[in-house]
Amino acid sequence: MSVTRTQSLAALLAAGALAFGLTACSSDSGTSSNSASGAASSAAATSAAPASASGAASGAAMDAPFGSACAAVPKDGSGSFAGMAQDPVATAASHNPLLSTLVSAVTAAGLADTLNSAQNVTVFAPTNDAFAKIPADQLKALLADKDKLTKVLTYHVTPDRIAPSSLAGTHKTLEGADLTAAGSGSAYTVNSNSKVLCGNVQTANATVYIVDTVLMPAS
């Protein structure tokens, strides 16, 4: 990838985050109306003090990570929810053994520093098993093609933090195309065929939804 291409992608990430910050307070869109409050409260969800208000329990549940795969996350250390909340998203992903192929892909595309320096984004993170669904020859070709790999990876990123209460709906990605999430509670799919395995995972600069299928943008 050329320096110009990398600089352009970094500028796109910064512009997306800035645009969201300027519009989030006034937008009526379900995509972003709750993202700021969700991001601020999520990192402290596991340590918040009990509240007497009747809605406190349900609010805490919405702020916590959800999904069957969350049980596999370590209870402490850099790979725990608390540990990941301290690191930017590419670094946090490197502590999760379920995401090692994704980390390799991000590294091959030269996007680690760009993602780590982005502010308030959402990442739909495919597991190793998700990448394994791609035929081996096609996956090898994808990892070797930086332009195509960048297109695929940026399709997994939106320029705003999406809270669970705003997840269902259509969201613009950094790649430029839309993706659509559907569901409620703790059961969501993305683009109909990719299931959220562990959602609302907070890192220092991103909200992460771990998914079981790689999302492919239109050619």
N, C-alpha and C. Protein backbone atom coordinates (compact mmCIF):
# COMPACT_ATOMS: atom_id res chain seq x y z
N MET A 1 0.86 -1.20 0.00
CA MET A 1 0.00 0.00 0.00
C MET A 1 0.88 1.23 0.00
N SER A 2 0.59 2.25 -0.77
CA SER A 2 1.40 3.44 -0.83
C SER A 2 1.20 4.28 0.41
N VAL A 3 2.18 5.19 0.64
CA VAL A 3 2.07 6.11 1.78
C VAL A 3 0.84 6.98 1.62
N THR A 4 0.58 7.42 0.38
CA THR A 4 -0.60 8.26 0.13
C THR A 4 -1.87 7.54 0.49
N ARG A 5 -1.95 6.22 0.13
CA ARG A 5 -3.17 5.45 0.45
C ARG A 5 -3.36 5.34 1.95
N THR A 6 -2.25 5.08 2.68
CA THR A 6 -2.33 4.95 4.14
C THR A 6 -2.73 6.26 4.78
N GLN A 7 -2.13 7.38 4.28
CA GLN A 7 -2.48 8.68 4.83
C GLN A 7 -3.94 9.02 4.57
N SER A 8 -4.44 8.64 3.38
CA SER A 8 -5.84 8.89 3.05
C SER A 8 -6.77 8.13 3.97
N LEU A 9 -6.41 6.87 4.27
CA LEU A 9 -7.25 6.07 5.16
C LEU A 9 -7.25 6.67 6.56
N ALA A 10 -6.07 7.13 7.03
CA ALA A 10 -6.00 7.74 8.35
C ALA A 10 -6.84 8.99 8.40
N ALA A 11 -6.81 9.79 7.30
CA ALA A 11 -7.63 10.99 7.25
C ALA A 11 -9.11 10.66 7.27
N LEU A 12 -9.49 9.57 6.58
CA LEU A 12 -10.89 9.14 6.56
C LEU A 12 -11.36 8.76 7.96
N LEU A 13 -10.52 8.03 8.69
CA LEU A 13 -10.87 7.65 10.06
C LEU A 13 -11.05 8.89 10.92
N ALA A 14 -10.12 9.84 10.82
CA ALA A 14 -10.21 11.04 11.64
C ALA A 14 -11.43 11.86 11.28
N ALA A 15 -11.71 11.99 9.97
CA ALA A 15 -12.86 12.77 9.53
C ALA A 15 -14.16 12.14 9.98
N GLY A 16 -14.24 10.81 9.91
CA GLY A 16 -15.46 10.13 10.34
C GLY A 16 -15.72 10.35 11.80
N ALA A 17 -14.67 10.24 12.62
CA ALA A 17 -14.84 10.44 14.06
C ALA A 17 -15.23 11.87 14.37
N LEU A 18 -14.62 12.86 13.66
CA LEU A 18 -14.95 14.26 13.90
C LEU A 18 -16.38 14.55 13.50
N ALA A 19 -16.81 14.04 12.34
CA ALA A 19 -18.17 14.28 11.89
C ALA A 19 -19.18 13.73 12.86
N PHE A 20 -18.89 12.55 13.38
CA PHE A 20 -19.81 11.96 14.35
C PHE A 20 -19.88 12.80 15.62
N GLY A 21 -18.72 13.28 16.08
CA GLY A 21 -18.70 14.07 17.30
C GLY A 21 -19.50 15.34 17.17
N LEU A 22 -19.51 15.96 15.97
CA LEU A 22 -20.24 17.19 15.76
C LEU A 22 -21.73 16.99 15.63
N THR A 23 -22.15 15.78 15.19
CA THR A 23 -23.56 15.56 14.91
C THR A 23 -24.28 14.72 15.93
N ALA A 24 -23.56 14.02 16.80
CA ALA A 24 -24.19 13.04 17.68
C ALA A 24 -25.23 13.67 18.58
N CYS A 25 -24.98 14.90 19.07
CA CYS A 25 -25.90 15.50 20.03
C CYS A 25 -27.21 15.90 19.40
N SER A 26 -27.21 16.21 18.08
CA SER A 26 -28.43 16.69 17.46
C SER A 26 -29.12 15.67 16.59
N SER A 27 -28.48 14.52 16.33
CA SER A 27 -29.04 13.54 15.41
C SER A 27 -30.23 12.82 16.01
N ASP A 28 -31.23 12.52 15.18
CA ASP A 28 -32.38 11.72 15.60
C ASP A 28 -32.23 10.28 15.17
N SER A 29 -31.10 9.95 14.55
CA SER A 29 -30.93 8.61 14.01
C SER A 29 -30.75 7.60 15.11
N GLY A 30 -31.39 6.41 14.97
CA GLY A 30 -31.24 5.33 15.93
C GLY A 30 -29.83 4.78 15.93
N THR A 31 -29.08 5.01 14.83
CA THR A 31 -27.73 4.48 14.74
C THR A 31 -26.82 5.10 15.77
N SER A 32 -26.97 6.44 16.03
CA SER A 32 -25.99 7.11 16.87
C SER A 32 -26.56 7.78 18.10
N SER A 33 -27.86 7.72 18.33
CA SER A 33 -28.46 8.51 19.39
C SER A 33 -27.98 8.13 20.77
N ASN A 34 -27.61 6.86 20.95
CA ASN A 34 -27.18 6.44 22.28
C ASN A 34 -25.71 6.10 22.34
N SER A 35 -24.94 6.34 21.23
CA SER A 35 -23.58 5.84 21.18
C SER A 35 -22.67 6.54 22.18
N ALA A 36 -22.83 7.86 22.36
CA ALA A 36 -21.94 8.57 23.25
C ALA A 36 -22.12 8.11 24.69
N SER A 37 -23.38 8.02 25.13
CA SER A 37 -23.61 7.59 26.50
C SER A 37 -23.20 6.15 26.70
N GLY A 38 -23.40 5.29 25.66
CA GLY A 38 -23.00 3.89 25.77
C GLY A 38 -21.50 3.76 25.93
N ALA A 39 -20.74 4.57 25.16
CA ALA A 39 -19.29 4.48 25.23
C ALA A 39 -18.78 4.94 26.58
N ALA A 40 -19.36 6.01 27.12
CA ALA A 40 -18.87 6.55 28.37
C ALA A 40 -19.12 5.62 29.53
N SER A 41 -20.27 4.93 29.51
CA SER A 41 -20.62 4.10 30.66
C SER A 41 -20.12 2.68 30.55
N SER A 42 -19.82 2.21 29.33
CA SER A 42 -19.49 0.80 29.15
C SER A 42 -18.21 0.40 29.85
N ALA A 43 -17.17 1.25 29.77
CA ALA A 43 -15.89 0.88 30.33
C ALA A 43 -15.95 0.64 31.83
N ALA A 44 -16.91 1.31 32.49
CA ALA A 44 -17.02 1.17 33.94
C ALA A 44 -18.15 0.25 34.36
N ALA A 45 -18.76 -0.44 33.40
CA ALA A 45 -19.97 -1.20 33.70
C ALA A 45 -19.73 -2.27 34.75
N THR A 46 -18.55 -2.92 34.68
CA THR A 46 -18.33 -4.04 35.59
C THR A 46 -17.98 -3.60 37.00
N SER A 47 -17.65 -2.31 37.19
CA SER A 47 -17.25 -1.87 38.51
C SER A 47 -18.15 -0.81 39.10
N ALA A 48 -19.25 -0.48 38.41
CA ALA A 48 -20.15 0.56 38.88
C ALA A 48 -20.78 0.16 40.20
N ALA A 49 -20.98 1.15 41.09
CA ALA A 49 -21.59 0.88 42.39
C ALA A 49 -23.07 0.64 42.22
N PRO A 50 -23.71 -0.18 43.07
CA PRO A 50 -25.14 -0.42 42.98
C PRO A 50 -25.92 0.86 43.13
N ALA A 51 -27.01 0.99 42.38
CA ALA A 51 -27.86 2.16 42.44
C ALA A 51 -29.24 1.76 42.92
N SER A 52 -29.95 2.70 43.52
CA SER A 52 -31.26 2.39 44.07
C SER A 52 -32.37 2.57 43.06
N ALA A 53 -32.09 3.26 41.95
CA ALA A 53 -33.14 3.49 40.96
C ALA A 53 -33.58 2.18 40.36
N SER A 54 -34.89 2.10 40.01
CA SER A 54 -35.46 0.85 39.53
C SER A 54 -34.86 0.40 38.21
N GLY A 55 -34.35 1.35 37.41
CA GLY A 55 -33.80 0.99 36.10
C GLY A 55 -32.33 0.69 36.13
N ALA A 56 -31.68 0.73 37.29
CA ALA A 56 -30.23 0.56 37.35
C ALA A 56 -29.79 -0.80 36.86
N ALA A 57 -30.50 -1.86 37.26
CA ALA A 57 -30.08 -3.21 36.88
C ALA A 57 -30.16 -3.41 35.38
N SER A 58 -31.24 -2.96 34.76
CA SER A 58 -31.37 -3.13 33.32
C SER A 58 -30.35 -2.28 32.58
N GLY A 59 -30.05 -1.09 33.11
CA GLY A 59 -29.05 -0.23 32.47
C GLY A 59 -27.68 -0.86 32.52
N ALA A 60 -27.33 -1.46 33.67
CA ALA A 60 -26.03 -2.12 33.79
C ALA A 60 -25.93 -3.29 32.84
N ALA A 61 -27.03 -4.05 32.67
CA ALA A 61 -27.03 -5.20 31.77
C ALA A 61 -26.79 -4.76 30.34
N MET A 62 -27.39 -3.62 29.94
CA MET A 62 -27.21 -3.12 28.58
C MET A 62 -25.77 -2.69 28.35
N ASP A 63 -25.11 -2.18 29.40
CA ASP A 63 -23.76 -1.69 29.25
C ASP A 63 -22.71 -2.79 29.26
N ALA A 64 -23.06 -3.96 29.77
CA ALA A 64 -22.10 -5.05 29.90
C ALA A 64 -21.96 -5.81 28.58
N PRO A 65 -20.81 -6.45 28.35
CA PRO A 65 -20.68 -7.34 27.19
C PRO A 65 -21.72 -8.45 27.24
N PHE A 66 -22.15 -8.91 26.08
CA PHE A 66 -23.17 -9.96 26.03
C PHE A 66 -22.83 -10.97 24.95
N GLY A 67 -23.35 -12.19 25.12
CA GLY A 67 -23.15 -13.24 24.12
C GLY A 67 -22.44 -14.45 24.70
N SER A 68 -22.69 -15.61 24.10
CA SER A 68 -22.17 -16.87 24.62
C SER A 68 -20.65 -16.92 24.64
N ALA A 69 -19.99 -16.31 23.66
CA ALA A 69 -18.53 -16.37 23.59
C ALA A 69 -17.86 -15.51 24.64
N CYS A 70 -18.59 -14.62 25.29
CA CYS A 70 -18.00 -13.76 26.32
C CYS A 70 -17.50 -14.59 27.50
N ALA A 71 -18.08 -15.77 27.70
CA ALA A 71 -17.67 -16.60 28.82
C ALA A 71 -16.23 -17.07 28.70
N ALA A 72 -15.69 -17.07 27.49
CA ALA A 72 -14.32 -17.53 27.26
C ALA A 72 -13.27 -16.45 27.53
N VAL A 73 -13.73 -15.23 27.76
CA VAL A 73 -12.80 -14.13 28.01
C VAL A 73 -12.19 -14.28 29.40
N PRO A 74 -10.87 -14.12 29.53
CA PRO A 74 -10.23 -14.24 30.86
C PRO A 74 -10.82 -13.28 31.87
N LYS A 75 -10.80 -13.67 33.12
CA LYS A 75 -11.36 -12.83 34.17
C LYS A 75 -10.44 -11.67 34.54
N ASP A 76 -9.15 -11.83 34.31
CA ASP A 76 -8.21 -10.75 34.62
C ASP A 76 -7.07 -10.76 33.62
N GLY A 77 -6.22 -9.76 33.71
CA GLY A 77 -5.10 -9.65 32.79
C GLY A 77 -5.43 -8.81 31.57
N SER A 78 -4.48 -8.68 30.66
CA SER A 78 -4.64 -7.82 29.49
C SER A 78 -5.74 -8.30 28.55
N GLY A 79 -6.07 -9.61 28.60
CA GLY A 79 -7.11 -10.14 27.73
C GLY A 79 -8.49 -10.11 28.34
N SER A 80 -8.62 -9.63 29.57
CA SER A 80 -9.94 -9.53 30.21
C SER A 80 -10.67 -8.30 29.68
N PHE A 81 -11.96 -8.19 30.01
CA PHE A 81 -12.71 -7.02 29.59
C PHE A 81 -12.09 -5.74 30.15
N ALA A 82 -11.71 -5.78 31.43
CA ALA A 82 -11.09 -4.61 32.04
C ALA A 82 -9.75 -4.29 31.40
N GLY A 83 -8.98 -5.33 31.07
CA GLY A 83 -7.69 -5.13 30.43
C GLY A 83 -7.83 -4.55 29.03
N MET A 84 -8.77 -5.09 28.24
CA MET A 84 -8.96 -4.59 26.88
C MET A 84 -9.43 -3.15 26.87
N ALA A 85 -10.17 -2.75 27.90
CA ALA A 85 -10.68 -1.38 27.97
C ALA A 85 -9.55 -0.37 28.11
N GLN A 86 -8.36 -0.82 28.51
CA GLN A 86 -7.24 0.08 28.69
C GLN A 86 -6.42 0.27 27.41
N ASP A 87 -6.60 -0.61 26.43
CA ASP A 87 -5.77 -0.58 25.21
C ASP A 87 -6.59 -0.15 24.00
N PRO A 88 -5.94 0.48 23.00
CA PRO A 88 -6.63 0.76 21.73
C PRO A 88 -6.96 -0.54 21.02
N VAL A 89 -7.87 -0.46 20.05
CA VAL A 89 -8.55 -1.66 19.57
C VAL A 89 -7.62 -2.71 18.94
N ALA A 90 -6.66 -2.32 18.12
CA ALA A 90 -5.79 -3.31 17.49
C ALA A 90 -4.93 -4.02 18.54
N THR A 91 -4.45 -3.26 19.52
CA THR A 91 -3.66 -3.85 20.60
C THR A 91 -4.53 -4.77 21.46
N ALA A 92 -5.75 -4.32 21.78
CA ALA A 92 -6.66 -5.14 22.58
C ALA A 92 -6.97 -6.45 21.88
N ALA A 93 -7.19 -6.40 20.57
CA ALA A 93 -7.50 -7.61 19.81
C ALA A 93 -6.34 -8.59 19.85
N SER A 94 -5.12 -8.08 19.92
CA SER A 94 -3.96 -8.97 19.94
C SER A 94 -3.88 -9.79 21.22
N HIS A 95 -4.61 -9.39 22.25
CA HIS A 95 -4.63 -10.15 23.50
C HIS A 95 -5.69 -11.24 23.50
N ASN A 96 -6.52 -11.29 22.45
CA ASN A 96 -7.61 -12.26 22.38
C ASN A 96 -7.25 -13.36 21.38
N PRO A 97 -7.03 -14.59 21.85
CA PRO A 97 -6.60 -15.66 20.94
C PRO A 97 -7.64 -16.00 19.87
N LEU A 98 -8.90 -15.64 20.08
CA LEU A 98 -9.94 -15.88 19.07
C LEU A 98 -9.77 -14.97 17.86
N LEU A 99 -8.96 -13.92 17.99
CA LEU A 99 -8.86 -12.91 16.93
C LEU A 99 -7.47 -12.84 16.30
N SER A 100 -6.69 -13.89 16.42
CA SER A 100 -5.31 -13.85 15.92
C SER A 100 -5.24 -13.70 14.40
N THR A 101 -6.17 -14.32 13.68
CA THR A 101 -6.16 -14.16 12.21
C THR A 101 -6.51 -12.74 11.82
N LEU A 102 -7.48 -12.15 12.52
CA LEU A 102 -7.84 -10.75 12.27
C LEU A 102 -6.64 -9.85 12.53
N VAL A 103 -5.93 -10.08 13.60
CA VAL A 103 -4.75 -9.26 13.92
C VAL A 103 -3.71 -9.41 12.82
N SER A 104 -3.52 -10.62 12.31
CA SER A 104 -2.57 -10.84 11.20
C SER A 104 -3.01 -10.09 9.96
N ALA A 105 -4.32 -10.08 9.70
CA ALA A 105 -4.85 -9.38 8.53
C ALA A 105 -4.66 -7.87 8.67
N VAL A 106 -4.95 -7.35 9.85
CA VAL A 106 -4.76 -5.91 10.10
C VAL A 106 -3.29 -5.53 9.94
N THR A 107 -2.41 -6.37 10.42
CA THR A 107 -0.97 -6.12 10.28
C THR A 107 -0.55 -6.17 8.82
N ALA A 108 -1.05 -7.16 8.06
CA ALA A 108 -0.70 -7.28 6.64
C ALA A 108 -1.17 -6.07 5.84
N ALA A 109 -2.30 -5.50 6.25
CA ALA A 109 -2.83 -4.32 5.55
C ALA A 109 -2.19 -3.02 6.03
N GLY A 110 -1.37 -3.10 7.07
CA GLY A 110 -0.74 -1.90 7.60
C GLY A 110 -1.70 -0.98 8.31
N LEU A 111 -2.74 -1.55 8.92
CA LEU A 111 -3.79 -0.73 9.54
C LEU A 111 -3.72 -0.66 11.06
N ALA A 112 -2.80 -1.37 11.69
CA ALA A 112 -2.78 -1.43 13.15
C ALA A 112 -2.65 -0.04 13.78
N ASP A 113 -1.69 0.74 13.33
CA ASP A 113 -1.50 2.07 13.90
C ASP A 113 -2.68 2.98 13.60
N THR A 114 -3.24 2.84 12.41
CA THR A 114 -4.39 3.66 12.02
C THR A 114 -5.59 3.37 12.91
N LEU A 115 -5.86 2.09 13.14
CA LEU A 115 -6.99 1.73 13.99
C LEU A 115 -6.73 2.12 15.44
N ASN A 116 -5.51 1.96 15.89
CA ASN A 116 -5.18 2.32 17.27
C ASN A 116 -5.31 3.82 17.53
N SER A 117 -5.09 4.63 16.50
CA SER A 117 -5.15 6.07 16.67
C SER A 117 -6.53 6.65 16.37
N ALA A 118 -7.44 5.82 15.83
CA ALA A 118 -8.80 6.30 15.55
C ALA A 118 -9.52 6.56 16.87
N GLN A 119 -10.55 7.39 16.82
CA GLN A 119 -11.31 7.72 18.02
C GLN A 119 -12.78 7.35 17.85
N ASN A 120 -13.32 6.65 18.85
CA ASN A 120 -14.77 6.37 18.90
C ASN A 120 -15.28 5.69 17.64
N VAL A 121 -14.76 4.49 17.38
CA VAL A 121 -15.21 3.69 16.25
C VAL A 121 -15.85 2.41 16.78
N THR A 122 -16.54 1.70 15.89
CA THR A 122 -17.05 0.36 16.20
C THR A 122 -16.40 -0.62 15.24
N VAL A 123 -15.94 -1.74 15.78
CA VAL A 123 -15.30 -2.77 14.97
C VAL A 123 -16.08 -4.07 15.09
N PHE A 124 -16.49 -4.62 13.96
CA PHE A 124 -17.09 -5.95 13.91
C PHE A 124 -15.93 -6.91 13.63
N ALA A 125 -15.54 -7.67 14.65
CA ALA A 125 -14.30 -8.44 14.61
C ALA A 125 -14.54 -9.92 14.34
N PRO A 126 -14.19 -10.42 13.15
CA PRO A 126 -14.38 -11.85 12.86
C PRO A 126 -13.39 -12.72 13.63
N THR A 127 -13.87 -13.84 14.11
CA THR A 127 -13.01 -14.80 14.82
C THR A 127 -12.13 -15.56 13.83
N ASN A 128 -11.19 -16.32 14.38
CA ASN A 128 -10.37 -17.19 13.54
C ASN A 128 -11.25 -18.16 12.75
N ASP A 129 -12.29 -18.70 13.39
CA ASP A 129 -13.19 -19.63 12.71
C ASP A 129 -13.93 -18.95 11.58
N ALA A 130 -14.21 -17.66 11.74
CA ALA A 130 -14.88 -16.91 10.66
C ALA A 130 -13.98 -16.85 9.43
N PHE A 131 -12.70 -16.56 9.63
CA PHE A 131 -11.76 -16.53 8.50
C PHE A 131 -11.57 -17.93 7.91
N ALA A 132 -11.67 -18.96 8.76
CA ALA A 132 -11.49 -20.33 8.29
C ALA A 132 -12.62 -20.77 7.36
N LYS A 133 -13.75 -20.07 7.39
CA LYS A 133 -14.85 -20.38 6.47
C LYS A 133 -14.49 -20.02 5.03
N ILE A 134 -13.53 -19.11 4.85
CA ILE A 134 -13.10 -18.72 3.52
C ILE A 134 -12.16 -19.79 2.98
N PRO A 135 -12.37 -20.31 1.76
CA PRO A 135 -11.47 -21.31 1.21
C PRO A 135 -10.01 -20.86 1.32
N ALA A 136 -9.13 -21.80 1.64
CA ALA A 136 -7.73 -21.47 1.96
C ALA A 136 -7.04 -20.67 0.86
N ASP A 137 -7.28 -21.04 -0.40
CA ASP A 137 -6.61 -20.32 -1.49
C ASP A 137 -7.12 -18.89 -1.61
N GLN A 138 -8.43 -18.70 -1.36
CA GLN A 138 -9.00 -17.36 -1.42
C GLN A 138 -8.52 -16.50 -0.26
N LEU A 139 -8.40 -17.10 0.92
CA LEU A 139 -7.91 -16.36 2.07
C LEU A 139 -6.46 -15.94 1.87
N LYS A 140 -5.65 -16.85 1.34
CA LYS A 140 -4.25 -16.53 1.08
C LYS A 140 -4.14 -15.38 0.08
N ALA A 141 -4.97 -15.42 -0.95
CA ALA A 141 -4.95 -14.34 -1.95
C ALA A 141 -5.40 -13.02 -1.34
N LEU A 142 -6.41 -13.07 -0.47
CA LEU A 142 -6.91 -11.87 0.18
C LEU A 142 -5.82 -11.23 1.05
N LEU A 143 -5.14 -12.05 1.84
CA LEU A 143 -4.11 -11.52 2.73
C LEU A 143 -2.92 -10.95 1.97
N ALA A 144 -2.75 -11.37 0.73
CA ALA A 144 -1.64 -10.90 -0.09
C ALA A 144 -1.98 -9.65 -0.90
N ASP A 145 -3.25 -9.28 -0.95
CA ASP A 145 -3.71 -8.14 -1.75
C ASP A 145 -4.09 -7.00 -0.81
N LYS A 146 -3.16 -6.06 -0.58
CA LYS A 146 -3.40 -5.02 0.41
C LYS A 146 -4.60 -4.16 0.11
N ASP A 147 -4.81 -3.82 -1.16
CA ASP A 147 -5.94 -2.98 -1.51
C ASP A 147 -7.27 -3.67 -1.20
N LYS A 148 -7.40 -4.92 -1.62
CA LYS A 148 -8.63 -5.66 -1.36
C LYS A 148 -8.80 -5.93 0.13
N LEU A 149 -7.70 -6.27 0.80
CA LEU A 149 -7.75 -6.54 2.24
C LEU A 149 -8.18 -5.29 3.00
N THR A 150 -7.64 -4.14 2.61
CA THR A 150 -8.04 -2.88 3.25
C THR A 150 -9.52 -2.62 3.06
N LYS A 151 -10.02 -2.89 1.86
CA LYS A 151 -11.45 -2.71 1.57
C LYS A 151 -12.30 -3.60 2.48
N VAL A 152 -11.90 -4.86 2.63
CA VAL A 152 -12.66 -5.78 3.47
C VAL A 152 -12.59 -5.37 4.94
N LEU A 153 -11.41 -5.04 5.41
CA LEU A 153 -11.25 -4.70 6.83
C LEU A 153 -11.97 -3.40 7.19
N THR A 154 -11.89 -2.39 6.34
CA THR A 154 -12.57 -1.13 6.65
C THR A 154 -14.08 -1.26 6.55
N TYR A 155 -14.56 -2.30 5.87
CA TYR A 155 -15.99 -2.58 5.84
C TYR A 155 -16.48 -3.08 7.21
N HIS A 156 -15.56 -3.50 8.06
CA HIS A 156 -15.90 -3.97 9.40
C HIS A 156 -15.85 -2.86 10.44
N VAL A 157 -15.63 -1.62 10.01
CA VAL A 157 -15.46 -0.51 10.95
C VAL A 157 -16.43 0.61 10.63
N THR A 158 -17.11 1.13 11.65
CA THR A 158 -17.96 2.31 11.48
C THR A 158 -17.33 3.47 12.24
N PRO A 159 -17.57 4.71 11.80
CA PRO A 159 -16.90 5.87 12.40
C PRO A 159 -17.58 6.39 13.65
N ASP A 160 -18.26 5.53 14.40
CA ASP A 160 -18.91 5.93 15.63
C ASP A 160 -19.05 4.70 16.53
N ARG A 161 -19.14 4.93 17.82
CA ARG A 161 -19.39 3.83 18.74
C ARG A 161 -20.88 3.51 18.71
N ILE A 162 -21.22 2.25 18.44
CA ILE A 162 -22.61 1.82 18.37
C ILE A 162 -22.95 1.06 19.64
N ALA A 163 -23.85 1.60 20.44
CA ALA A 163 -24.30 0.92 21.65
C ALA A 163 -25.27 -0.20 21.27
N PRO A 164 -25.43 -1.22 22.13
CA PRO A 164 -26.36 -2.29 21.82
C PRO A 164 -27.77 -1.80 21.52
N SER A 165 -28.21 -0.77 22.21
CA SER A 165 -29.56 -0.24 21.99
C SER A 165 -29.73 0.38 20.61
N SER A 166 -28.62 0.68 19.93
CA SER A 166 -28.67 1.26 18.59
C SER A 166 -28.11 0.34 17.52
N LEU A 167 -27.80 -0.90 17.91
CA LEU A 167 -27.13 -1.81 16.97
C LEU A 167 -28.04 -2.20 15.81
N ALA A 168 -29.30 -2.53 16.09
CA ALA A 168 -30.21 -2.93 15.01
C ALA A 168 -30.44 -1.74 14.08
N GLY A 169 -30.16 -1.95 12.80
CA GLY A 169 -30.33 -0.88 11.82
C GLY A 169 -29.20 -0.90 10.81
N THR A 170 -29.16 0.13 9.98
CA THR A 170 -28.16 0.24 8.92
C THR A 170 -27.09 1.24 9.32
N HIS A 171 -25.84 0.87 9.10
CA HIS A 171 -24.71 1.69 9.53
C HIS A 171 -23.73 1.87 8.38
N LYS A 172 -23.27 3.09 8.18
CA LYS A 172 -22.25 3.38 7.18
C LYS A 172 -20.88 2.93 7.70
N THR A 173 -20.10 2.29 6.83
CA THR A 173 -18.77 1.83 7.22
C THR A 173 -17.69 2.74 6.66
N LEU A 174 -16.47 2.58 7.15
CA LEU A 174 -15.36 3.37 6.62
C LEU A 174 -15.03 2.98 5.18
N GLU A 175 -15.40 1.77 4.78
CA GLU A 175 -15.21 1.36 3.38
C GLU A 175 -16.10 2.16 2.46
N GLY A 176 -17.23 2.65 2.97
CA GLY A 176 -18.14 3.47 2.19
C GLY A 176 -19.52 2.86 2.02
N ALA A 177 -19.60 1.52 2.07
CA ALA A 177 -20.89 0.84 1.93
C ALA A 177 -21.55 0.67 3.30
N ASP A 178 -22.82 0.30 3.28
CA ASP A 178 -23.56 0.07 4.52
C ASP A 178 -23.51 -1.39 4.93
N LEU A 179 -23.64 -1.62 6.24
CA LEU A 179 -23.93 -2.96 6.74
C LEU A 179 -25.19 -2.85 7.59
N THR A 180 -25.89 -3.96 7.76
CA THR A 180 -27.16 -3.95 8.48
C THR A 180 -27.16 -4.99 9.58
N ALA A 181 -27.50 -4.56 10.78
CA ALA A 181 -27.62 -5.47 11.92
C ALA A 181 -29.09 -5.63 12.27
N ALA A 182 -29.43 -6.83 12.73
CA ALA A 182 -30.81 -7.11 13.13
C ALA A 182 -30.80 -7.93 14.40
N GLY A 183 -31.85 -7.78 15.21
CA GLY A 183 -31.96 -8.56 16.43
C GLY A 183 -32.33 -7.70 17.61
N SER A 184 -32.24 -8.28 18.80
CA SER A 184 -32.55 -7.56 20.03
C SER A 184 -31.97 -8.34 21.20
N GLY A 185 -31.97 -7.70 22.38
CA GLY A 185 -31.47 -8.37 23.57
C GLY A 185 -30.01 -8.75 23.42
N SER A 186 -29.73 -10.05 23.43
CA SER A 186 -28.35 -10.53 23.27
C SER A 186 -28.19 -11.35 22.00
N ALA A 187 -29.14 -11.27 21.08
CA ALA A 187 -29.08 -12.05 19.84
C ALA A 187 -29.14 -11.10 18.64
N TYR A 188 -28.02 -10.99 17.93
CA TYR A 188 -27.94 -10.12 16.77
C TYR A 188 -27.22 -10.83 15.61
N THR A 189 -27.60 -10.46 14.41
CA THR A 189 -26.87 -10.87 13.21
C THR A 189 -26.48 -9.62 12.44
N VAL A 190 -25.44 -9.74 11.63
CA VAL A 190 -24.98 -8.65 10.79
C VAL A 190 -25.02 -9.14 9.35
N ASN A 191 -25.66 -8.34 8.48
CA ASN A 191 -25.85 -8.74 7.08
C ASN A 191 -26.48 -10.13 6.97
N SER A 192 -27.38 -10.43 7.88
CA SER A 192 -28.21 -11.64 7.87
C SER A 192 -27.48 -12.92 8.25
N ASN A 193 -26.18 -13.02 7.91
CA ASN A 193 -25.52 -14.33 8.06
C ASN A 193 -24.36 -14.35 9.04
N SER A 194 -24.03 -13.23 9.65
CA SER A 194 -22.91 -13.19 10.59
C SER A 194 -23.46 -12.94 11.99
N LYS A 195 -23.28 -13.90 12.88
CA LYS A 195 -23.85 -13.81 14.22
C LYS A 195 -22.89 -13.12 15.17
N VAL A 196 -23.43 -12.25 16.02
CA VAL A 196 -22.63 -11.62 17.06
C VAL A 196 -22.43 -12.64 18.19
N LEU A 197 -21.17 -13.01 18.44
CA LEU A 197 -20.85 -14.00 19.46
C LEU A 197 -20.59 -13.37 20.83
N CYS A 198 -20.00 -12.20 20.81
CA CYS A 198 -19.74 -11.45 22.04
C CYS A 198 -19.75 -9.98 21.68
N GLY A 199 -20.72 -9.26 22.19
CA GLY A 199 -20.91 -7.88 21.78
C GLY A 199 -20.70 -6.87 22.89
N ASN A 200 -20.55 -5.61 22.49
CA ASN A 200 -20.37 -4.49 23.42
C ASN A 200 -19.10 -4.63 24.25
N VAL A 201 -18.04 -5.11 23.62
CA VAL A 201 -16.73 -5.18 24.27
C VAL A 201 -16.04 -3.83 24.08
N GLN A 202 -15.61 -3.24 25.18
CA GLN A 202 -15.03 -1.90 25.11
C GLN A 202 -13.51 -1.95 25.07
N THR A 203 -12.92 -1.15 24.19
CA THR A 203 -11.48 -0.89 24.23
C THR A 203 -11.32 0.61 24.45
N ALA A 204 -10.09 1.07 24.53
CA ALA A 204 -9.86 2.48 24.84
C ALA A 204 -10.46 3.41 23.79
N ASN A 205 -10.57 2.95 22.55
CA ASN A 205 -11.07 3.83 21.49
C ASN A 205 -12.17 3.23 20.63
N ALA A 206 -12.69 2.07 21.03
CA ALA A 206 -13.67 1.41 20.15
C ALA A 206 -14.62 0.53 20.95
N THR A 207 -15.78 0.29 20.34
CA THR A 207 -16.71 -0.74 20.79
C THR A 207 -16.59 -1.90 19.81
N VAL A 208 -16.47 -3.12 20.32
CA VAL A 208 -16.21 -4.29 19.48
C VAL A 208 -17.37 -5.27 19.58
N TYR A 209 -17.79 -5.78 18.41
CA TYR A 209 -18.75 -6.87 18.33
C TYR A 209 -18.04 -8.03 17.62
N ILE A 210 -17.77 -9.09 18.34
CA ILE A 210 -17.09 -10.26 17.77
C ILE A 210 -18.10 -11.09 16.99
N VAL A 211 -17.82 -11.38 15.71
CA VAL A 211 -18.77 -12.04 14.84
C VAL A 211 -18.20 -13.34 14.28
N ASP A 212 -19.09 -14.21 13.79
CA ASP A 212 -18.65 -15.56 13.38
C ASP A 212 -18.49 -15.72 11.88
N THR A 213 -18.64 -14.64 11.12
CA THR A 213 -18.49 -14.69 9.67
C THR A 213 -17.85 -13.39 9.17
N VAL A 214 -16.90 -13.49 8.27
CA VAL A 214 -16.28 -12.31 7.69
C VAL A 214 -17.29 -11.58 6.83
N LEU A 215 -17.41 -10.26 7.01
CA LEU A 215 -18.34 -9.44 6.24
C LEU A 215 -17.65 -9.02 4.94
N MET A 216 -18.31 -9.25 3.82
CA MET A 216 -17.72 -8.92 2.53
C MET A 216 -18.49 -7.78 1.86
N PRO A 217 -17.82 -6.69 1.54
CA PRO A 217 -18.48 -5.59 0.83
C PRO A 217 -18.75 -5.99 -0.62
N ALA A 218 -19.69 -5.31 -1.23
CA ALA A 218 -19.99 -5.58 -2.64
C ALA A 218 -18.75 -5.29 -3.47
N SER A 219 -18.52 -6.08 -4.49
CA SER A 219 -17.35 -5.90 -5.34
C SER A 219 -17.44 -4.60 -6.12
